[in-house]
């Protein structure tokens, strides 16, 4: 896949029970997930409509691949990681946001570093144990902000920026770690 020639993109079309199509840029190409009742030809219209976004995401992935070459993965046990997450979660929830600590679950996740349920349960990807402490803290803070604002809207990013004005750089760093882990695992 190259950013210069979109004809080189490998396109994978899948179907799901989702109501809306989902477009993803992967290191190997483009994946589009269509609702079961949508015609396959719609995928190509969606790709055409979002071509500039796809090019931008492709360039971000290429940059992450370059950055990933200089990354060293942190080595810590599952128990050490669980203790770190619990300690950081308690600290962020109580001290910085003034809310009670939340329930935390650690498990392998396919596409995210973490998530926050509507009930405030924070799930952290077990692969985050390979990240440095500062990125683990950022992930937890990001999810705590979702308790305040569930969507990635202006209020959410205002919450994140309160303690992480450099969040865009941290997001790039997380993508580089994601790429590194894809290559290593």
C-alpha atoms as a PDB file:
ATOM      1  CA  UNK A   1       0.000   0.000   0.000  1.00  0.00           C
ATOM      2  CA  UNK A   2       1.418   3.367  -0.937  1.00  0.00           C
ATOM      3  CA  UNK A   3       0.107   6.854  -0.383  1.00  0.00           C
ATOM      4  CA  UNK A   4       1.009   7.826  -3.968  1.00  0.00           C
ATOM      5  CA  UNK A   5      -1.001   5.209  -5.773  1.00  0.00           C
ATOM      6  CA  UNK A   6      -4.338   4.232  -4.305  1.00  0.00           C
ATOM      7  CA  UNK A   7      -4.666   1.491  -6.949  1.00  0.00           C
ATOM      8  CA  UNK A   8      -2.052  -0.403  -4.921  1.00  0.00           C
ATOM      9  CA  UNK A   9      -4.296  -0.581  -1.842  1.00  0.00           C
ATOM     10  CA  UNK A  10      -5.380  -4.074  -0.935  1.00  0.00           C
ATOM     11  CA  UNK A  11      -9.099  -3.941  -0.164  1.00  0.00           C
ATOM     12  CA  UNK A  12     -10.829  -6.421   2.116  1.00  0.00           C
ATOM     13  CA  UNK A  13     -14.629  -6.350   2.357  1.00  0.00           C
ATOM     14  CA  UNK A  14     -16.408  -8.012   5.267  1.00  0.00           C
ATOM     15  CA  UNK A  15     -19.995  -8.089   6.441  1.00  0.00           C
ATOM     16  CA  UNK A  16     -21.365  -7.685   9.960  1.00  0.00           C
ATOM     17  CA  UNK A  17     -24.551  -7.084  11.901  1.00  0.00           C
ATOM     18  CA  UNK A  18     -23.612  -3.386  12.263  1.00  0.00           C
ATOM     19  CA  UNK A  19     -26.088  -0.797  11.035  1.00  0.00           C
ATOM     20  CA  UNK A  20     -23.424   1.389   9.425  1.00  0.00           C
ATOM     21  CA  UNK A  21     -20.363   0.681   7.291  1.00  0.00           C
ATOM     22  CA  UNK A  22     -16.966   0.938   8.952  1.00  0.00           C
ATOM     23  CA  UNK A  23     -13.798   1.909   7.097  1.00  0.00           C
ATOM     24  CA  UNK A  24     -10.374   1.051   8.534  1.00  0.00           C
ATOM     25  CA  UNK A  25      -6.867   1.629   7.235  1.00  0.00           C
ATOM     26  CA  UNK A  26      -4.587  -1.260   8.134  1.00  0.00           C
ATOM     27  CA  UNK A  27      -0.850  -1.705   7.517  1.00  0.00           C
ATOM     28  CA  UNK A  28      -1.693  -4.103   4.686  1.00  0.00           C
ATOM     29  CA  UNK A  29      -4.476  -2.017   3.056  1.00  0.00           C
ATOM     30  CA  UNK A  30      -8.106  -1.031   3.548  1.00  0.00           C
ATOM     31  CA  UNK A  31     -10.756  -2.993   5.376  1.00  0.00           C
ATOM     32  CA  UNK A  32     -14.374  -2.052   4.977  1.00  0.00           C
ATOM     33  CA  UNK A  33     -17.069  -3.706   7.053  1.00  0.00           C
ATOM     34  CA  UNK A  34     -20.529  -3.437   5.536  1.00  0.00           C
ATOM     35  CA  UNK A  35     -23.939  -4.119   7.044  1.00  0.00           C
ATOM     36  CA  UNK A  36     -25.238  -7.498   5.842  1.00  0.00           C
ATOM     37  CA  UNK A  37     -27.897  -5.926   3.614  1.00  0.00           C
ATOM     38  CA  UNK A  38     -25.519  -3.537   1.794  1.00  0.00           C
ATOM     39  CA  UNK A  39     -24.363  -4.233  -1.753  1.00  0.00           C
ATOM     40  CA  UNK A  40     -20.639  -4.951  -2.144  1.00  0.00           C
ATOM     41  CA  UNK A  41     -20.320  -2.175  -4.751  1.00  0.00           C
ATOM     42  CA  UNK A  42     -21.107   0.376  -2.014  1.00  0.00           C
ATOM     43  CA  UNK A  43     -17.681  -0.359  -0.524  1.00  0.00           C
ATOM     44  CA  UNK A  44     -15.963   1.220  -3.518  1.00  0.00           C
ATOM     45  CA  UNK A  45     -18.160   4.339  -3.329  1.00  0.00           C
ATOM     46  CA  UNK A  46     -17.291   4.696   0.355  1.00  0.00           C
ATOM     47  CA  UNK A  47     -13.588   4.309  -0.391  1.00  0.00           C
ATOM     48  CA  UNK A  48     -13.782   6.901  -3.162  1.00  0.00           C
ATOM     49  CA  UNK A  49     -15.656   9.328  -0.900  1.00  0.00           C
ATOM     50  CA  UNK A  50     -13.041   8.986   1.862  1.00  0.00           C
ATOM     51  CA  UNK A  51      -9.931   8.823  -0.327  1.00  0.00           C
ATOM     52  CA  UNK A  52      -8.224  11.848   1.267  1.00  0.00           C
ATOM     53  CA  UNK A  53      -8.863  10.464   4.782  1.00  0.00           C
ATOM     54  CA  UNK A  54      -7.444   7.096   3.674  1.00  0.00           C
ATOM     55  CA  UNK A  55      -4.312   8.791   2.314  1.00  0.00           C
ATOM     56  CA  UNK A  56      -3.867  10.704   5.592  1.00  0.00           C
ATOM     57  CA  UNK A  57      -4.239   7.534   7.669  1.00  0.00           C
ATOM     58  CA  UNK A  58      -1.841   5.678   5.368  1.00  0.00           C
ATOM     59  CA  UNK A  59       0.797   8.370   5.916  1.00  0.00           C
ATOM     60  CA  UNK A  60       0.229   8.186   9.690  1.00  0.00           C
ATOM     61  CA  UNK A  61       0.769   4.411   9.567  1.00  0.00           C
ATOM     62  CA  UNK A  62       3.959   4.816   7.552  1.00  0.00           C
ATOM     63  CA  UNK A  63       5.235   7.351  10.109  1.00  0.00           C
ATOM     64  CA  UNK A  64       4.305   4.930  12.936  1.00  0.00           C
ATOM     65  CA  UNK A  65       6.225   2.146  11.208  1.00  0.00           C
ATOM     66  CA  UNK A  66       9.324   4.355  11.069  1.00  0.00           C
ATOM     67  CA  UNK A  67       8.935   5.349  14.734  1.00  0.00           C
ATOM     68  CA  UNK A  68       8.367   1.739  15.788  1.00  0.00           C
ATOM     69  CA  UNK A  69      11.869   0.759  14.702  1.00  0.00           C
ATOM     70  CA  UNK A  70      13.341   2.720  17.650  1.00  0.00           C
ATOM     71  CA  UNK A  71      10.885   1.484  20.266  1.00  0.00           C
ATOM     72  CA  UNK A  72      11.874  -0.839  23.079  1.00  0.00           C
ATOM     73  CA  UNK A  73       9.018  -2.823  24.587  1.00  0.00           C
ATOM     74  CA  UNK A  74       8.734  -2.771  28.385  1.00  0.00           C
ATOM     75  CA  UNK A  75       9.064  -6.145  30.074  1.00  0.00           C
ATOM     76  CA  UNK A  76       6.736  -6.614  33.039  1.00  0.00           C
ATOM     77  CA  UNK A  77       4.714  -9.556  34.319  1.00  0.00           C
ATOM     78  CA  UNK A  78       0.932  -9.737  34.137  1.00  0.00           C
ATOM     79  CA  UNK A  79       0.775  -9.278  37.923  1.00  0.00           C
ATOM     80  CA  UNK A  80       3.049  -6.213  37.797  1.00  0.00           C
ATOM     81  CA  UNK A  81       0.916  -4.749  35.030  1.00  0.00           C
ATOM     82  CA  UNK A  82      -2.338  -5.382  36.898  1.00  0.00           C
ATOM     83  CA  UNK A  83      -0.923  -3.672  40.017  1.00  0.00           C
ATOM     84  CA  UNK A  84       0.306  -0.718  37.952  1.00  0.00           C
ATOM     85  CA  UNK A  85      -3.067  -0.275  36.224  1.00  0.00           C
ATOM     86  CA  UNK A  86      -4.982  -0.443  39.516  1.00  0.00           C
ATOM     87  CA  UNK A  87      -2.613   2.051  41.191  1.00  0.00           C
ATOM     88  CA  UNK A  88      -2.795   4.504  38.269  1.00  0.00           C
ATOM     89  CA  UNK A  89      -6.554   4.142  37.913  1.00  0.00           C
ATOM     90  CA  UNK A  90      -7.117   4.876  41.609  1.00  0.00           C
ATOM     91  CA  UNK A  91      -4.787   7.885  41.398  1.00  0.00           C
ATOM     92  CA  UNK A  92      -6.387   9.392  38.287  1.00  0.00           C
ATOM     93  CA  UNK A  93      -9.977   8.709  39.296  1.00  0.00           C
ATOM     94  CA  UNK A  94      -9.639  10.139  42.804  1.00  0.00           C
ATOM     95  CA  UNK A  95      -6.968  12.799  42.624  1.00  0.00           C
ATOM     96  CA  UNK A  96      -7.342  14.321  39.190  1.00  0.00           C
ATOM     97  CA  UNK A  97     -11.010  13.880  38.325  1.00  0.00           C
ATOM     98  CA  UNK A  98     -12.598  13.674  41.754  1.00  0.00           C
ATOM     99  CA  UNK A  99     -14.497  10.440  41.138  1.00  0.00           C
ATOM    100  CA  UNK A 100     -14.386   7.107  42.909  1.00  0.00           C
ATOM    101  CA  UNK A 101     -12.106   4.464  41.478  1.00  0.00           C
ATOM    102  CA  UNK A 102     -13.761   2.386  38.796  1.00  0.00           C
ATOM    103  CA  UNK A 103     -13.806  -1.314  38.155  1.00  0.00           C
ATOM    104  CA  UNK A 104     -10.987  -2.373  35.848  1.00  0.00           C
ATOM    105  CA  UNK A 105     -10.695  -5.440  33.637  1.00  0.00           C
ATOM    106  CA  UNK A 106      -7.533  -6.482  31.820  1.00  0.00           C
ATOM    107  CA  UNK A 107      -7.924  -8.669  28.743  1.00  0.00           C
ATOM    108  CA  UNK A 108      -6.632  -8.983  25.215  1.00  0.00           C
ATOM    109  CA  UNK A 109      -8.455  -6.642  22.857  1.00  0.00           C
ATOM    110  CA  UNK A 110      -8.285  -6.731  19.066  1.00  0.00           C
ATOM    111  CA  UNK A 111      -8.483  -3.083  18.104  1.00  0.00           C
ATOM    112  CA  UNK A 112      -8.103  -0.810  21.128  1.00  0.00           C
ATOM    113  CA  UNK A 113      -5.778  -0.019  23.979  1.00  0.00           C
ATOM    114  CA  UNK A 114      -8.732   0.358  26.322  1.00  0.00           C
ATOM    115  CA  UNK A 115     -12.443   1.057  26.536  1.00  0.00           C
ATOM    116  CA  UNK A 116     -14.963   2.419  29.018  1.00  0.00           C
ATOM    117  CA  UNK A 117     -18.435   0.902  29.344  1.00  0.00           C
ATOM    118  CA  UNK A 118     -21.540   3.005  30.017  1.00  0.00           C
ATOM    119  CA  UNK A 119     -21.390   1.709  33.612  1.00  0.00           C
ATOM    120  CA  UNK A 120     -17.825   3.025  34.030  1.00  0.00           C
ATOM    121  CA  UNK A 121     -16.017  -0.312  33.753  1.00  0.00           C
ATOM    122  CA  UNK A 122     -12.617   0.321  32.213  1.00  0.00           C
ATOM    123  CA  UNK A 123     -11.145  -2.503  30.156  1.00  0.00           C
ATOM    124  CA  UNK A 124      -7.433  -2.282  29.399  1.00  0.00           C
ATOM    125  CA  UNK A 125      -5.786  -4.289  26.638  1.00  0.00           C
ATOM    126  CA  UNK A 126      -3.354  -6.792  28.144  1.00  0.00           C
ATOM    127  CA  UNK A 127      -0.840  -5.844  25.428  1.00  0.00           C
ATOM    128  CA  UNK A 128      -0.532  -2.440  27.107  1.00  0.00           C
ATOM    129  CA  UNK A 129       1.767  -4.149  29.600  1.00  0.00           C
ATOM    130  CA  UNK A 130       4.544  -3.608  27.020  1.00  0.00           C
ATOM    131  CA  UNK A 131       4.049   0.175  27.086  1.00  0.00           C
ATOM    132  CA  UNK A 132       6.018   2.613  29.239  1.00  0.00           C
ATOM    133  CA  UNK A 133       4.270   3.874  32.383  1.00  0.00           C
ATOM    134  CA  UNK A 134       3.530   7.313  30.903  1.00  0.00           C
ATOM    135  CA  UNK A 135       1.501   5.770  28.057  1.00  0.00           C
ATOM    136  CA  UNK A 136      -0.359   3.425  30.410  1.00  0.00           C
ATOM    137  CA  UNK A 137      -1.254   6.472  32.506  1.00  0.00           C
ATOM    138  CA  UNK A 138      -2.407   8.353  29.400  1.00  0.00           C
ATOM    139  CA  UNK A 139      -4.637   5.433  28.326  1.00  0.00           C
ATOM    140  CA  UNK A 140      -6.244   5.291  31.769  1.00  0.00           C
ATOM    141  CA  UNK A 141      -6.765   9.060  31.868  1.00  0.00           C
ATOM    142  CA  UNK A 142      -8.290   8.914  28.364  1.00  0.00           C
ATOM    143  CA  UNK A 143     -10.797   6.300  29.539  1.00  0.00           C
ATOM    144  CA  UNK A 144     -11.613   8.198  32.744  1.00  0.00           C
ATOM    145  CA  UNK A 145     -12.492  11.172  30.526  1.00  0.00           C
ATOM    146  CA  UNK A 146     -15.004   8.886  28.784  1.00  0.00           C
ATOM    147  CA  UNK A 147     -16.872   8.570  32.097  1.00  0.00           C
ATOM    148  CA  UNK A 148     -17.351  12.338  31.951  1.00  0.00           C
ATOM    149  CA  UNK A 149     -17.993  12.447  28.176  1.00  0.00           C
ATOM    150  CA  UNK A 150     -18.625   9.168  26.311  1.00  0.00           C
ATOM    151  CA  UNK A 151     -18.020  10.475  22.782  1.00  0.00           C
ATOM    152  CA  UNK A 152     -14.813  11.794  21.198  1.00  0.00           C
ATOM    153  CA  UNK A 153     -16.246  15.295  20.922  1.00  0.00           C
ATOM    154  CA  UNK A 154     -14.958  18.759  21.898  1.00  0.00           C
ATOM    155  CA  UNK A 155     -15.808  18.301  25.601  1.00  0.00           C
ATOM    156  CA  UNK A 156     -13.991  14.979  25.688  1.00  0.00           C
ATOM    157  CA  UNK A 157     -10.800  16.367  24.136  1.00  0.00           C
ATOM    158  CA  UNK A 158     -10.990  19.398  26.484  1.00  0.00           C
ATOM    159  CA  UNK A 159     -10.948  16.924  29.379  1.00  0.00           C
ATOM    160  CA  UNK A 160      -7.947  15.093  27.894  1.00  0.00           C
ATOM    161  CA  UNK A 161      -6.098  18.351  27.154  1.00  0.00           C
ATOM    162  CA  UNK A 162      -6.464  19.466  30.763  1.00  0.00           C
ATOM    163  CA  UNK A 163      -3.598  17.118  31.718  1.00  0.00           C
ATOM    164  CA  UNK A 164      -2.304  16.115  28.309  1.00  0.00           C
ATOM    165  CA  UNK A 165      -1.973  19.135  26.017  1.00  0.00           C
ATOM    166  CA  UNK A 166       0.386  16.913  23.947  1.00  0.00           C
ATOM    167  CA  UNK A 167      -2.236  14.168  23.486  1.00  0.00           C
ATOM    168  CA  UNK A 168      -1.783  14.146  19.699  1.00  0.00           C
ATOM    169  CA  UNK A 169       1.866  13.224  20.109  1.00  0.00           C
ATOM    170  CA  UNK A 170       0.926  10.522  22.630  1.00  0.00           C
ATOM    171  CA  UNK A 171      -1.612   9.102  20.169  1.00  0.00           C
ATOM    172  CA  UNK A 172       1.165   8.886  17.556  1.00  0.00           C
ATOM    173  CA  UNK A 173       3.379   7.127  20.079  1.00  0.00           C
ATOM    174  CA  UNK A 174       0.608   4.629  20.851  1.00  0.00           C
ATOM    175  CA  UNK A 175       0.199   3.906  17.147  1.00  0.00           C
ATOM    176  CA  UNK A 176       3.941   3.262  16.861  1.00  0.00           C
ATOM    177  CA  UNK A 177       3.736   0.791  19.769  1.00  0.00           C
ATOM    178  CA  UNK A 178       0.729  -0.859  18.132  1.00  0.00           C
ATOM    179  CA  UNK A 179       2.710  -1.312  14.917  1.00  0.00           C
ATOM    180  CA  UNK A 180       5.720  -2.629  16.870  1.00  0.00           C
ATOM    181  CA  UNK A 181       3.540  -5.175  18.679  1.00  0.00           C
ATOM    182  CA  UNK A 182       1.935  -6.267  15.394  1.00  0.00           C
ATOM    183  CA  UNK A 183       5.393  -6.970  14.007  1.00  0.00           C
ATOM    184  CA  UNK A 184       6.663  -8.679  17.197  1.00  0.00           C
ATOM    185  CA  UNK A 185       3.636 -10.801  18.121  1.00  0.00           C
END
